[in-house]
N, C-alpha and C. Protein backbone atom coordinates (compact mmCIF):
# COMPACT_ATOMS: atom_id res chain seq x y z
N MET A 1 -0.43 -19.52 -25.42
CA MET A 1 0.60 -20.80 -24.57
C MET A 1 1.78 -20.28 -24.18
N ALA A 2 2.04 -20.13 -22.99
CA ALA A 2 3.05 -19.78 -22.28
C ALA A 2 4.54 -21.12 -22.52
N GLU A 3 5.55 -20.53 -22.48
CA GLU A 3 6.73 -21.44 -22.65
C GLU A 3 6.93 -22.35 -22.23
N ASN A 4 6.44 -22.72 -21.03
CA ASN A 4 6.13 -24.16 -20.20
C ASN A 4 5.06 -24.90 -20.13
N ASP A 5 4.21 -24.74 -21.58
CA ASP A 5 3.43 -25.69 -22.34
C ASP A 5 1.99 -25.52 -21.15
N LEU A 6 2.09 -24.56 -20.51
CA LEU A 6 0.57 -24.27 -19.54
C LEU A 6 -0.52 -23.60 -20.28
N GLN A 7 -1.47 -24.01 -20.05
CA GLN A 7 -2.46 -22.97 -20.85
C GLN A 7 -3.75 -22.33 -19.99
N PHE A 8 -4.20 -21.23 -20.20
CA PHE A 8 -4.78 -20.51 -19.09
C PHE A 8 -5.95 -20.18 -19.58
N GLU A 9 -7.34 -19.91 -18.90
CA GLU A 9 -8.00 -19.64 -19.31
C GLU A 9 -8.49 -18.17 -18.30
N TRP A 10 -9.74 -17.55 -18.34
CA TRP A 10 -10.35 -17.13 -17.42
C TRP A 10 -11.37 -16.22 -18.18
N ASP A 11 -12.67 -15.76 -17.33
CA ASP A 11 -13.56 -15.24 -17.46
C ASP A 11 -13.15 -13.91 -18.22
N ASP A 12 -13.70 -13.13 -19.40
CA ASP A 12 -13.27 -11.87 -19.66
C ASP A 12 -13.99 -10.82 -18.81
N GLU A 13 -14.92 -11.14 -18.54
CA GLU A 13 -15.50 -9.78 -17.67
C GLU A 13 -14.75 -9.58 -16.22
N LYS A 14 -14.70 -10.66 -15.39
CA LYS A 14 -13.38 -10.98 -14.62
C LYS A 14 -12.03 -10.27 -14.60
N ASP A 15 -11.53 -10.47 -15.97
CA ASP A 15 -9.97 -9.96 -16.29
C ASP A 15 -10.44 -8.69 -16.39
N ARG A 16 -11.79 -8.01 -17.07
CA ARG A 16 -11.80 -6.37 -17.21
C ARG A 16 -12.02 -6.10 -15.68
N THR A 17 -12.61 -6.21 -14.53
CA THR A 17 -12.80 -5.91 -13.44
C THR A 17 -11.35 -6.18 -12.29
N ASN A 18 -11.10 -6.55 -12.71
CA ASN A 18 -9.83 -7.29 -12.19
C ASN A 18 -8.42 -5.79 -12.83
N ARG A 19 -8.56 -5.90 -13.81
CA ARG A 19 -7.80 -4.46 -14.73
C ARG A 19 -7.96 -3.33 -14.22
N ILE A 20 -9.26 -3.51 -13.97
CA ILE A 20 -9.58 -1.67 -13.12
C ILE A 20 -9.30 -1.60 -11.80
N LYS A 21 -9.54 -2.94 -11.20
CA LYS A 21 -9.40 -2.61 -9.38
C LYS A 21 -7.80 -2.55 -9.36
N HIS A 22 -7.24 -3.26 -9.88
CA HIS A 22 -6.00 -3.80 -9.68
C HIS A 22 -4.65 -3.38 -10.84
N GLY A 23 -4.89 -2.91 -11.55
CA GLY A 23 -4.43 -2.59 -12.74
C GLY A 23 -3.32 -3.61 -13.24
N LEU A 24 -3.96 -5.02 -12.94
CA LEU A 24 -3.05 -5.80 -13.92
C LEU A 24 -4.06 -6.74 -14.69
N SER A 25 -3.78 -7.10 -15.79
CA SER A 25 -4.77 -8.68 -16.74
C SER A 25 -4.14 -9.48 -16.22
N PHE A 26 -5.10 -10.51 -16.12
CA PHE A 26 -4.89 -11.98 -16.74
C PHE A 26 -3.71 -12.49 -17.19
N ASN A 27 -3.32 -11.90 -18.47
CA ASN A 27 -2.30 -12.34 -19.24
C ASN A 27 -1.23 -12.32 -18.60
N THR A 28 -1.37 -11.06 -18.04
CA THR A 28 0.13 -10.89 -17.24
C THR A 28 0.53 -11.40 -15.90
N GLY A 29 -0.55 -11.62 -15.53
CA GLY A 29 -0.22 -12.78 -14.10
C GLY A 29 -0.25 -14.26 -14.42
N ALA A 30 -0.35 -14.73 -15.88
CA ALA A 30 -0.13 -16.09 -16.22
C ALA A 30 1.42 -16.10 -16.72
N SER A 31 2.01 -14.70 -16.78
CA SER A 31 3.44 -14.79 -17.23
C SER A 31 4.24 -14.99 -15.68
N ILE A 32 3.58 -15.50 -14.23
CA ILE A 32 4.55 -15.27 -13.11
C ILE A 32 5.20 -16.89 -13.83
N PHE A 33 4.29 -17.98 -14.32
CA PHE A 33 4.70 -19.10 -14.54
C PHE A 33 5.42 -19.55 -15.11
N ASN A 34 6.68 -18.44 -15.66
CA ASN A 34 7.44 -18.67 -16.83
C ASN A 34 8.71 -18.58 -16.00
N SER A 35 8.59 -18.32 -15.14
CA SER A 35 10.10 -18.22 -13.67
C SER A 35 9.51 -18.19 -12.29
N PRO A 36 10.54 -19.24 -11.04
CA PRO A 36 10.43 -19.80 -10.24
C PRO A 36 8.84 -19.08 -9.46
N THR A 37 7.93 -20.08 -8.76
CA THR A 37 7.07 -19.59 -8.31
C THR A 37 6.85 -20.31 -6.76
N VAL A 38 5.87 -19.76 -5.92
CA VAL A 38 5.53 -20.06 -4.80
C VAL A 38 4.18 -20.57 -4.39
N GLU A 39 3.84 -21.41 -4.80
CA GLU A 39 2.39 -21.67 -4.36
C GLU A 39 1.36 -22.62 -2.67
N GLN A 40 0.44 -22.26 -3.00
CA GLN A 40 0.03 -23.27 -2.22
C GLN A 40 -1.62 -23.01 -2.35
N MET A 41 -2.11 -24.32 -1.69
CA MET A 41 -3.63 -23.95 -1.86
C MET A 41 -4.44 -23.20 -0.88
N ASP A 42 -5.26 -22.34 -1.35
CA ASP A 42 -6.05 -21.79 -0.67
C ASP A 42 -7.37 -21.83 -0.46
N ASP A 43 -7.23 -22.25 1.35
CA ASP A 43 -8.61 -23.16 1.72
C ASP A 43 -8.87 -22.10 2.89
N ARG A 44 -8.94 -21.04 3.18
CA ARG A 44 -9.22 -19.67 3.74
C ARG A 44 -11.19 -19.98 3.68
N GLU A 45 -11.80 -20.82 2.70
CA GLU A 45 -12.67 -20.73 3.04
C GLU A 45 -13.42 -21.66 1.48
N ASP A 46 -14.70 -22.48 1.56
CA ASP A 46 -14.66 -23.05 0.73
C ASP A 46 -15.66 -22.53 -0.33
N TYR A 47 -14.55 -22.53 -1.39
CA TYR A 47 -15.44 -22.10 -3.06
C TYR A 47 -16.10 -22.59 -4.07
N GLY A 48 -16.00 -23.81 -2.76
CA GLY A 48 -16.73 -25.19 -4.04
C GLY A 48 -16.12 -25.62 -4.99
N GLU A 49 -14.50 -25.12 -5.04
CA GLU A 49 -13.40 -25.88 -6.15
C GLU A 49 -12.24 -25.64 -5.38
N VAL A 50 -11.16 -26.74 -5.48
CA VAL A 50 -10.00 -26.22 -5.17
C VAL A 50 -9.87 -25.30 -5.71
N ARG A 51 -8.63 -24.08 -4.94
CA ARG A 51 -8.09 -23.04 -5.37
C ARG A 51 -6.56 -22.80 -4.87
N TYR A 52 -5.72 -22.16 -5.94
CA TYR A 52 -4.16 -21.95 -5.58
C TYR A 52 -4.04 -20.61 -5.62
N VAL A 53 -3.21 -19.91 -4.50
CA VAL A 53 -2.25 -18.86 -5.10
C VAL A 53 -1.18 -19.32 -4.95
N ALA A 54 -0.83 -18.02 -6.36
CA ALA A 54 0.73 -18.86 -6.62
C ALA A 54 1.58 -17.20 -6.51
N LEU A 55 2.47 -17.37 -5.73
CA LEU A 55 3.62 -16.11 -6.22
C LEU A 55 4.52 -15.85 -7.21
N GLY A 56 4.61 -15.05 -7.73
CA GLY A 56 5.63 -15.10 -9.24
C GLY A 56 6.26 -13.79 -9.22
N ARG A 57 6.96 -13.83 -10.18
CA ARG A 57 7.64 -12.77 -10.58
C ARG A 57 7.33 -12.01 -12.34
N VAL A 58 7.00 -10.80 -12.06
CA VAL A 58 7.01 -10.49 -13.72
C VAL A 58 7.38 -9.34 -13.81
N GLU A 59 8.37 -8.85 -14.86
CA GLU A 59 9.85 -8.25 -14.83
C GLU A 59 10.57 -7.82 -12.97
N THR A 60 10.05 -6.26 -12.44
CA THR A 60 10.59 -6.36 -11.18
C THR A 60 9.33 -6.35 -10.31
N MET A 61 8.17 -6.77 -10.64
CA MET A 61 7.08 -6.98 -9.92
C MET A 61 6.79 -8.02 -9.36
N VAL A 62 6.53 -8.67 -8.00
CA VAL A 62 5.91 -9.89 -7.64
C VAL A 62 4.35 -9.96 -7.50
N LEU A 63 4.17 -10.80 -8.09
CA LEU A 63 2.08 -10.73 -8.31
C LEU A 63 1.71 -11.93 -7.33
N LYS A 64 0.50 -11.92 -7.12
CA LYS A 64 -0.49 -12.75 -6.36
C LYS A 64 -1.41 -13.17 -6.97
N VAL A 65 -1.24 -14.62 -7.88
CA VAL A 65 -2.46 -15.58 -9.14
C VAL A 65 -2.90 -16.02 -8.13
N VAL A 66 -4.22 -16.22 -8.05
CA VAL A 66 -5.24 -16.92 -7.52
C VAL A 66 -5.72 -17.95 -8.28
N TYR A 67 -5.64 -18.93 -8.65
CA TYR A 67 -6.37 -19.85 -10.01
C TYR A 67 -6.69 -21.10 -9.16
N THR A 68 -7.71 -21.48 -10.08
CA THR A 68 -7.78 -23.36 -10.06
C THR A 68 -7.18 -24.20 -11.75
N ILE A 69 -7.33 -25.19 -10.91
CA ILE A 69 -6.86 -26.33 -11.97
C ILE A 69 -8.68 -26.80 -12.55
N ARG A 70 -8.02 -27.11 -13.95
CA ARG A 70 -9.35 -27.15 -15.05
C ARG A 70 -9.05 -28.69 -15.71
N GLY A 71 -7.45 -28.71 -15.73
CA GLY A 71 -6.91 -30.28 -16.47
C GLY A 71 -5.86 -30.05 -16.42
N PRO A 72 -4.78 -31.51 -16.86
CA PRO A 72 -3.62 -31.06 -16.91
C PRO A 72 -3.14 -29.86 -18.03
N LYS A 73 -2.35 -29.18 -17.14
CA LYS A 73 -1.70 -28.18 -17.40
C LYS A 73 -2.35 -27.03 -17.88
N GLN A 74 -3.67 -26.97 -17.63
CA GLN A 74 -4.47 -25.66 -17.77
C GLN A 74 -5.08 -25.52 -16.24
N PHE A 75 -5.32 -24.46 -16.61
CA PHE A 75 -5.43 -23.61 -15.05
C PHE A 75 -6.52 -22.68 -15.44
N ARG A 76 -7.34 -22.15 -14.49
CA ARG A 76 -8.15 -20.83 -14.82
C ARG A 76 -7.78 -20.24 -13.73
N ILE A 77 -7.37 -18.67 -14.09
CA ILE A 77 -6.88 -17.62 -13.49
C ILE A 77 -8.45 -17.33 -12.83
N ILE A 78 -8.45 -16.32 -11.69
CA ILE A 78 -9.61 -15.76 -10.65
C ILE A 78 -9.24 -14.81 -10.84
N SER A 79 -7.60 -14.15 -10.03
CA SER A 79 -7.43 -12.94 -9.90
C SER A 79 -6.23 -12.86 -9.97
N VAL A 80 -5.68 -11.41 -10.08
CA VAL A 80 -4.18 -11.12 -10.45
C VAL A 80 -3.87 -9.86 -9.28
N GLN A 81 -2.79 -9.77 -8.61
CA GLN A 81 -2.72 -8.53 -7.68
C GLN A 81 -1.29 -8.23 -7.27
N ARG A 82 -0.81 -7.32 -7.11
CA ARG A 82 0.75 -7.24 -6.70
C ARG A 82 0.69 -8.05 -5.33
N ALA A 83 1.74 -8.28 -5.26
CA ALA A 83 1.77 -9.31 -3.43
C ALA A 83 2.08 -7.72 -2.64
N ASN A 84 1.43 -8.11 -1.33
CA ASN A 84 1.86 -7.18 -0.46
C ASN A 84 3.50 -7.36 0.43
N ARG A 85 3.60 -6.51 0.74
CA ARG A 85 5.14 -6.50 1.40
C ARG A 85 5.58 -7.88 2.36
N HIS A 86 4.14 -8.58 2.84
CA HIS A 86 4.89 -9.76 3.61
C HIS A 86 4.97 -10.83 2.73
N GLU A 87 4.26 -11.06 1.47
CA GLU A 87 4.16 -11.78 0.51
C GLU A 87 4.79 -11.78 -0.08
N ARG A 88 5.64 -10.84 -0.50
CA ARG A 88 7.07 -10.06 -1.32
C ARG A 88 8.13 -10.81 -0.74
N GLU A 89 8.21 -10.81 0.82
CA GLU A 89 9.59 -11.16 1.92
C GLU A 89 9.36 -12.75 1.38
N PHE A 90 7.79 -13.07 1.09
CA PHE A 90 7.67 -14.84 1.88
C PHE A 90 8.50 -15.80 0.64
N TYR A 91 7.92 -14.69 -0.58
CA TYR A 91 8.21 -14.75 -2.08
C TYR A 91 9.97 -14.93 -2.05
N TYR A 92 10.62 -14.18 -1.82
CA TYR A 92 11.98 -14.11 -2.05
C TYR A 92 12.69 -15.05 -0.96
N ARG A 93 12.38 -15.11 0.30
CA ARG A 93 12.86 -16.27 1.06
C ARG A 93 12.79 -17.82 0.47
N ALA A 94 11.56 -17.80 -0.07
CA ALA A 94 11.35 -19.26 -0.51
C ALA A 94 12.19 -19.51 -1.69
N THR A 95 12.24 -18.54 -2.36
CA THR A 95 13.07 -19.09 -3.71
C THR A 95 15.10 -18.09 -3.42
N PHE A 96 15.16 -17.55 -2.74
CA PHE A 96 16.72 -17.49 -2.26
C PHE A 96 17.22 -18.63 -2.79
N VAL A 97 18.15 -18.41 -3.86
CA VAL A 97 19.46 -19.65 -3.80
C VAL A 97 20.76 -18.78 -3.37
N GLU A 98 21.46 -19.69 -2.95
CA GLU A 98 23.04 -19.05 -1.96
C GLU A 98 23.58 -19.63 -3.33
């Protein structure tokens, strides 16, 4: 369980596939929720469930995590990958504090 009391679940086979494809585990992706995140609903298509995209940092990387909510403070991670340049710029603009 993360420091912020969120609980995470995922499909182990999807986690394995994600590690092969993107070089990142779902456990690493869950770590973004220990720092400021920028989140929005993913409504690009009908997935049969409400999905969200979160951008957040793990060490020096900005990651994009797609997830769905299963219950209070319970997230199911669907994918994790490094944020592209546009997503990184958006994240830094959204979380910049003077």
